Amino acid sequence: MTTDLLAALCLVLVLEGLFLFIGPETWKRMAAEMQAVPARALRAAGGMMVIAGLLALQWVRS
């Protein structure tokens, strides 16, 4: 279980690093535009992403 969690966190780092490596200007522009989005909307989007990720993980593991 711990090994799986660490592997998942490593993959997150790889994906985040790829976004920054491939398109740093696009990433900076997106981050700047997110400043205009209300915190409530970002929180809702984050919550939906967590739920979608958990459901996808359950589907993959079954």
C-alpha atoms as a PDB file:
ATOM      1  CA  MET A   1       0.000   0.000   0.000  1.00  0.00           C
ATOM      2  CA  THR A   2       2.720   2.462   0.938  1.00  0.00           C
ATOM      3  CA  THR A   3       4.682   1.562  -2.179  1.00  0.00           C
ATOM      4  CA  ASP A   4       1.621   2.210  -4.344  1.00  0.00           C
ATOM      5  CA  LEU A   5       1.068   5.601  -2.735  1.00  0.00           C
ATOM      6  CA  LEU A   6       4.683   6.601  -3.253  1.00  0.00           C
ATOM      7  CA  ALA A   7       4.537   5.409  -6.868  1.00  0.00           C
ATOM      8  CA  ALA A   8       1.394   7.479  -7.442  1.00  0.00           C
ATOM      9  CA  LEU A   9       3.034  10.573  -5.940  1.00  0.00           C
ATOM     10  CA  CYS A  10       6.068  10.043  -8.153  1.00  0.00           C
ATOM     11  CA  LEU A  11       3.821   9.900 -11.211  1.00  0.00           C
ATOM     12  CA  VAL A  12       2.173  13.154 -10.146  1.00  0.00           C
ATOM     13  CA  LEU A  13       5.624  14.764 -10.000  1.00  0.00           C
ATOM     14  CA  VAL A  14       6.463  13.418 -13.457  1.00  0.00           C
ATOM     15  CA  LEU A  15       3.232  14.780 -14.959  1.00  0.00           C
ATOM     16  CA  GLU A  16       3.578  18.172 -13.283  1.00  0.00           C
ATOM     17  CA  GLY A  17       7.181  18.361 -14.402  1.00  0.00           C
ATOM     18  CA  LEU A  18       6.217  17.515 -17.978  1.00  0.00           C
ATOM     19  CA  PHE A  19       3.679  20.336 -18.070  1.00  0.00           C
ATOM     20  CA  LEU A  20       6.304  22.808 -16.893  1.00  0.00           C
ATOM     21  CA  PHE A  21       9.003  21.389 -19.182  1.00  0.00           C
ATOM     22  CA  ILE A  22       6.908  21.281 -22.357  1.00  0.00           C
ATOM     23  CA  GLY A  23       4.924  24.518 -21.987  1.00  0.00           C
ATOM     24  CA  PRO A  24       6.215  26.874 -19.316  1.00  0.00           C
ATOM     25  CA  GLU A  25       4.625  29.970 -20.883  1.00  0.00           C
ATOM     26  CA  THR A  26       1.242  28.267 -21.205  1.00  0.00           C
ATOM     27  CA  TRP A  27       1.489  27.117 -17.591  1.00  0.00           C
ATOM     28  CA  LYS A  28       2.321  30.653 -16.414  1.00  0.00           C
ATOM     29  CA  ARG A  29      -0.555  32.131 -18.424  1.00  0.00           C
ATOM     30  CA  MET A  30      -2.977  29.554 -17.028  1.00  0.00           C
ATOM     31  CA  ALA A  31      -1.804  30.237 -13.470  1.00  0.00           C
ATOM     32  CA  ALA A  32      -2.312  33.975 -13.995  1.00  0.00           C
ATOM     33  CA  GLU A  33      -5.816  33.445 -15.378  1.00  0.00           C
ATOM     34  CA  MET A  34      -6.723  31.280 -12.392  1.00  0.00           C
ATOM     35  CA  GLN A  35      -6.257  34.334 -10.160  1.00  0.00           C
ATOM     36  CA  ALA A  36      -9.530  35.680 -11.579  1.00  0.00           C
ATOM     37  CA  VAL A  37     -11.472  32.493 -10.780  1.00  0.00           C
ATOM     38  CA  PRO A  38     -13.281  32.621  -7.424  1.00  0.00           C
ATOM     39  CA  ALA A  39     -11.872  30.362  -4.714  1.00  0.00           C
ATOM     40  CA  ARG A  40     -15.234  28.638  -4.375  1.00  0.00           C
ATOM     41  CA  ALA A  41     -15.171  27.574  -8.043  1.00  0.00           C
ATOM     42  CA  LEU A  42     -11.598  26.297  -7.726  1.00  0.00           C
ATOM     43  CA  ARG A  43     -12.535  24.370  -4.593  1.00  0.00           C
ATOM     44  CA  ALA A  44     -15.539  22.828  -6.355  1.00  0.00           C
ATOM     45  CA  ALA A  45     -13.401  21.842  -9.356  1.00  0.00           C
ATOM     46  CA  GLY A  46     -10.787  20.358  -7.041  1.00  0.00           C
ATOM     47  CA  GLY A  47     -13.425  18.382  -5.174  1.00  0.00           C
ATOM     48  CA  MET A  48     -14.828  16.986  -8.402  1.00  0.00           C
ATOM     49  CA  MET A  49     -11.316  16.011  -9.510  1.00  0.00           C
ATOM     50  CA  VAL A  50     -10.738  14.182  -6.217  1.00  0.00           C
ATOM     51  CA  ILE A  51     -14.025  12.298  -6.576  1.00  0.00           C
ATOM     52  CA  ALA A  52     -13.311  11.454 -10.228  1.00  0.00           C
ATOM     53  CA  GLY A  53      -9.827  10.258  -9.308  1.00  0.00           C
ATOM     54  CA  LEU A  54     -11.100   8.067  -6.495  1.00  0.00           C
ATOM     55  CA  LEU A  55     -13.781   6.558  -8.719  1.00  0.00           C
ATOM     56  CA  ALA A  56     -11.234   5.917 -11.477  1.00  0.00           C
ATOM     57  CA  LEU A  57      -8.857   4.346  -8.971  1.00  0.00           C
ATOM     58  CA  GLN A  58     -11.618   2.072  -7.662  1.00  0.00           C
ATOM     59  CA  TRP A  59     -12.512   1.089 -11.245  1.00  0.00           C
ATOM     60  CA  VAL A  60      -8.871   0.336 -12.137  1.00  0.00           C
ATOM     61  CA  ARG A  61      -8.299  -1.657  -8.937  1.00  0.00           C
ATOM     62  CA  SER A  62     -11.400  -3.835  -9.339  1.00  0.00           C
END
